[in-house]
N, C-alpha and C. Protein backbone atom coordinates (compact mmCIF):
# COMPACT_ATOMS: atom_id res chain seq x y z
N UNK A 1 4.92 -35.39 -5.90
CA UNK A 1 3.91 -34.81 -5.04
C UNK A 1 3.76 -33.32 -5.36
N UNK A 2 2.53 -32.87 -5.56
CA UNK A 2 2.30 -31.46 -5.83
C UNK A 2 1.88 -30.76 -4.55
N UNK A 3 2.35 -29.54 -4.40
CA UNK A 3 1.95 -28.77 -3.23
C UNK A 3 0.84 -27.81 -3.62
N UNK A 4 0.01 -27.52 -2.67
CA UNK A 4 -1.10 -26.59 -2.90
C UNK A 4 -0.62 -25.19 -2.56
N UNK A 5 -0.75 -24.29 -3.52
CA UNK A 5 -0.35 -22.91 -3.31
C UNK A 5 -1.32 -22.24 -2.34
N UNK A 6 -0.79 -21.65 -1.30
CA UNK A 6 -1.64 -20.96 -0.34
C UNK A 6 -2.07 -19.62 -0.93
N UNK A 7 -3.13 -19.09 -0.39
CA UNK A 7 -3.60 -17.78 -0.85
C UNK A 7 -3.12 -16.71 0.12
N UNK A 8 -3.10 -15.49 -0.34
CA UNK A 8 -2.68 -14.36 0.48
C UNK A 8 -3.89 -13.79 1.22
N UNK A 9 -3.62 -12.91 2.16
CA UNK A 9 -4.71 -12.24 2.89
C UNK A 9 -5.61 -11.48 1.91
N UNK A 10 -5.02 -10.80 0.95
CA UNK A 10 -5.82 -10.04 -0.02
C UNK A 10 -6.69 -10.98 -0.84
N UNK A 11 -6.12 -12.09 -1.29
CA UNK A 11 -6.91 -13.04 -2.06
C UNK A 11 -8.06 -13.60 -1.23
N UNK A 12 -7.81 -13.83 0.05
CA UNK A 12 -8.86 -14.33 0.93
C UNK A 12 -10.03 -13.34 0.98
N UNK A 13 -9.72 -12.06 1.13
CA UNK A 13 -10.80 -11.07 1.20
C UNK A 13 -11.59 -11.00 -0.11
N UNK A 14 -10.92 -11.28 -1.22
CA UNK A 14 -11.58 -11.22 -2.52
C UNK A 14 -12.55 -12.37 -2.76
N UNK A 15 -12.35 -13.49 -2.06
CA UNK A 15 -13.22 -14.66 -2.26
C UNK A 15 -14.07 -14.98 -1.03
N UNK A 16 -14.05 -14.08 -0.05
CA UNK A 16 -14.78 -14.32 1.20
C UNK A 16 -16.27 -14.53 0.98
N UNK A 17 -16.86 -13.78 0.09
CA UNK A 17 -18.30 -13.93 -0.18
C UNK A 17 -18.62 -15.33 -0.67
N UNK A 18 -17.79 -15.86 -1.57
CA UNK A 18 -18.00 -17.23 -2.05
C UNK A 18 -17.95 -18.22 -0.89
N UNK A 19 -17.02 -18.01 0.03
CA UNK A 19 -16.90 -18.88 1.20
C UNK A 19 -18.16 -18.81 2.05
N UNK A 20 -18.60 -17.59 2.35
CA UNK A 20 -19.78 -17.41 3.20
C UNK A 20 -21.05 -17.95 2.55
N UNK A 21 -21.11 -17.91 1.24
CA UNK A 21 -22.29 -18.41 0.52
C UNK A 21 -22.19 -19.90 0.20
N UNK A 22 -21.05 -20.52 0.50
CA UNK A 22 -20.88 -21.95 0.29
C UNK A 22 -20.77 -22.36 -1.17
N UNK A 23 -20.23 -21.46 -2.00
CA UNK A 23 -20.13 -21.76 -3.43
C UNK A 23 -18.68 -21.85 -3.91
N UNK A 24 -17.77 -21.98 -2.99
CA UNK A 24 -16.35 -22.06 -3.32
C UNK A 24 -16.01 -23.44 -3.88
N UNK A 25 -15.12 -23.48 -4.87
CA UNK A 25 -14.68 -24.77 -5.42
C UNK A 25 -13.92 -25.54 -4.34
N UNK A 26 -13.92 -26.87 -4.40
CA UNK A 26 -13.21 -27.65 -3.38
C UNK A 26 -11.73 -27.29 -3.26
N UNK A 27 -11.05 -27.07 -4.39
CA UNK A 27 -9.64 -26.71 -4.36
C UNK A 27 -9.42 -25.38 -3.65
N UNK A 28 -10.23 -24.39 -3.99
CA UNK A 28 -10.09 -23.07 -3.36
C UNK A 28 -10.47 -23.15 -1.89
N UNK A 29 -11.44 -23.95 -1.55
CA UNK A 29 -11.84 -24.11 -0.15
C UNK A 29 -10.67 -24.64 0.69
N UNK A 30 -9.95 -25.61 0.17
CA UNK A 30 -8.78 -26.15 0.88
C UNK A 30 -7.74 -25.05 1.07
N UNK A 31 -7.49 -24.29 0.03
CA UNK A 31 -6.51 -23.20 0.10
C UNK A 31 -6.97 -22.10 1.06
N UNK A 32 -8.26 -21.76 1.02
CA UNK A 32 -8.85 -20.74 1.88
C UNK A 32 -8.69 -21.14 3.34
N UNK A 33 -9.14 -22.35 3.66
CA UNK A 33 -9.07 -22.81 5.05
C UNK A 33 -7.64 -23.05 5.49
N UNK A 34 -6.76 -23.41 4.55
CA UNK A 34 -5.35 -23.55 4.86
C UNK A 34 -4.71 -22.23 5.25
N UNK A 35 -5.17 -21.15 4.65
CA UNK A 35 -4.67 -19.82 5.01
C UNK A 35 -5.29 -19.37 6.32
N UNK A 36 -6.56 -19.63 6.48
CA UNK A 36 -7.31 -19.15 7.65
C UNK A 36 -6.76 -19.73 8.95
N UNK A 37 -6.40 -21.00 8.95
CA UNK A 37 -5.97 -21.67 10.18
C UNK A 37 -4.83 -20.93 10.90
N UNK A 38 -3.75 -20.57 10.22
CA UNK A 38 -2.65 -19.91 10.93
C UNK A 38 -2.70 -18.38 10.90
N UNK A 39 -3.78 -17.78 10.38
CA UNK A 39 -3.81 -16.32 10.21
C UNK A 39 -4.88 -15.68 11.11
N UNK A 40 -4.50 -15.20 12.29
CA UNK A 40 -5.49 -14.62 13.20
C UNK A 40 -6.18 -13.39 12.62
N UNK A 41 -5.48 -12.61 11.81
CA UNK A 41 -6.10 -11.42 11.22
C UNK A 41 -7.25 -11.78 10.30
N UNK A 42 -7.06 -12.79 9.49
CA UNK A 42 -8.12 -13.21 8.57
C UNK A 42 -9.26 -13.90 9.30
N UNK A 43 -8.95 -14.63 10.37
CA UNK A 43 -10.01 -15.23 11.17
C UNK A 43 -10.87 -14.13 11.80
N UNK A 44 -10.23 -13.08 12.28
CA UNK A 44 -10.96 -11.95 12.86
C UNK A 44 -11.82 -11.28 11.80
N UNK A 45 -11.26 -11.08 10.61
CA UNK A 45 -12.00 -10.45 9.51
C UNK A 45 -13.22 -11.29 9.15
N UNK A 46 -13.05 -12.60 9.07
CA UNK A 46 -14.17 -13.49 8.76
C UNK A 46 -15.26 -13.37 9.82
N UNK A 47 -14.87 -13.37 11.08
CA UNK A 47 -15.87 -13.26 12.15
C UNK A 47 -16.57 -11.90 12.11
N UNK A 48 -15.84 -10.83 11.80
CA UNK A 48 -16.46 -9.50 11.66
C UNK A 48 -17.49 -9.50 10.54
N UNK A 49 -17.17 -10.15 9.44
CA UNK A 49 -18.12 -10.21 8.32
C UNK A 49 -19.35 -11.02 8.72
N UNK A 50 -19.16 -12.13 9.42
CA UNK A 50 -20.31 -12.92 9.89
C UNK A 50 -21.19 -12.10 10.82
N UNK A 51 -20.58 -11.34 11.73
CA UNK A 51 -21.35 -10.50 12.64
C UNK A 51 -22.09 -9.40 11.88
N UNK A 52 -21.44 -8.81 10.91
CA UNK A 52 -22.08 -7.77 10.10
C UNK A 52 -23.29 -8.33 9.38
N UNK A 53 -23.16 -9.51 8.81
CA UNK A 53 -24.28 -10.15 8.11
C UNK A 53 -25.42 -10.42 9.07
N UNK A 54 -25.10 -10.95 10.25
CA UNK A 54 -26.15 -11.22 11.25
C UNK A 54 -26.87 -9.94 11.65
N UNK A 55 -26.10 -8.89 11.92
CA UNK A 55 -26.70 -7.65 12.39
C UNK A 55 -27.47 -6.91 11.31
N UNK A 56 -26.92 -6.84 10.12
CA UNK A 56 -27.61 -6.12 9.06
C UNK A 56 -28.80 -6.90 8.53
N UNK A 57 -28.83 -8.19 8.78
CA UNK A 57 -29.98 -8.99 8.38
C UNK A 57 -31.23 -8.62 9.15
N UNK A 58 -31.08 -7.92 10.28
CA UNK A 58 -32.22 -7.51 11.08
C UNK A 58 -32.72 -6.11 10.72
N UNK A 59 -31.98 -5.41 9.89
CA UNK A 59 -32.39 -4.07 9.48
C UNK A 59 -33.44 -4.12 8.38
N UNK A 60 -34.36 -3.20 8.44
CA UNK A 60 -35.30 -3.00 7.34
C UNK A 60 -35.26 -1.53 6.97
N UNK A 61 -35.77 -1.22 5.82
CA UNK A 61 -35.79 0.18 5.37
C UNK A 61 -36.56 1.04 6.37
N UNK A 62 -37.61 0.49 6.96
CA UNK A 62 -38.43 1.24 7.89
C UNK A 62 -37.71 1.57 9.20
N UNK A 63 -36.68 0.78 9.56
CA UNK A 63 -35.97 1.02 10.82
C UNK A 63 -34.88 2.07 10.69
N UNK A 64 -34.57 2.50 9.47
CA UNK A 64 -33.53 3.49 9.26
C UNK A 64 -34.10 4.90 9.29
N UNK A 65 -33.37 5.79 9.92
CA UNK A 65 -33.73 7.21 9.86
C UNK A 65 -33.54 7.68 8.43
N UNK A 66 -34.37 8.62 7.96
CA UNK A 66 -34.24 9.08 6.57
C UNK A 66 -32.83 9.56 6.21
N UNK A 67 -32.15 10.25 7.12
CA UNK A 67 -30.81 10.73 6.82
C UNK A 67 -29.81 9.57 6.72
N UNK A 68 -30.02 8.53 7.49
CA UNK A 68 -29.16 7.35 7.39
C UNK A 68 -29.36 6.65 6.06
N UNK A 69 -30.61 6.50 5.67
CA UNK A 69 -30.93 5.88 4.38
C UNK A 69 -30.30 6.67 3.24
N UNK A 70 -30.45 7.99 3.26
CA UNK A 70 -29.88 8.83 2.22
C UNK A 70 -28.34 8.72 2.19
N UNK A 71 -27.72 8.69 3.36
CA UNK A 71 -26.26 8.59 3.43
C UNK A 71 -25.79 7.25 2.86
N UNK A 72 -26.47 6.17 3.23
CA UNK A 72 -26.09 4.85 2.71
C UNK A 72 -26.27 4.77 1.20
N UNK A 73 -27.37 5.28 0.69
CA UNK A 73 -27.60 5.27 -0.75
C UNK A 73 -26.52 6.07 -1.47
N UNK A 74 -26.13 7.21 -0.90
CA UNK A 74 -25.07 8.01 -1.50
C UNK A 74 -23.75 7.27 -1.55
N UNK A 75 -23.43 6.56 -0.49
CA UNK A 75 -22.18 5.78 -0.45
C UNK A 75 -22.22 4.68 -1.50
N UNK A 76 -23.31 3.95 -1.58
CA UNK A 76 -23.40 2.86 -2.55
C UNK A 76 -23.37 3.37 -4.00
N UNK A 77 -23.99 4.50 -4.23
CA UNK A 77 -24.01 5.03 -5.60
C UNK A 77 -22.63 5.52 -6.03
N UNK A 78 -21.83 5.95 -5.08
CA UNK A 78 -20.53 6.55 -5.42
C UNK A 78 -19.35 5.69 -5.00
N UNK A 79 -19.55 4.43 -4.68
CA UNK A 79 -18.47 3.62 -4.11
C UNK A 79 -17.28 3.46 -5.05
N UNK A 80 -17.48 3.49 -6.34
CA UNK A 80 -16.36 3.27 -7.26
C UNK A 80 -15.95 4.53 -8.02
N UNK A 81 -16.37 5.66 -7.55
CA UNK A 81 -16.06 6.90 -8.28
C UNK A 81 -14.87 7.66 -7.68
N UNK A 82 -14.15 7.02 -6.82
CA UNK A 82 -12.96 7.69 -6.38
C UNK A 82 -12.69 7.61 -4.97
């Protein structure tokens, strides 16, 4: 009998987008949900991401103040520079 290796909290966060988009492989899905069941921190993180997606889905460029738009663009442009 082979056992399925569970994933860590960090690994879960790295594949969360695949889970939310429904493109996770069946094996990884089993491992993902196996980790999620006993991990309240990751369940909370998943729900926070779902709420963020719901809320930001209602935003449009026109609803943002110019300074907010500029700040967000600056963050996205520099996210990996340090």
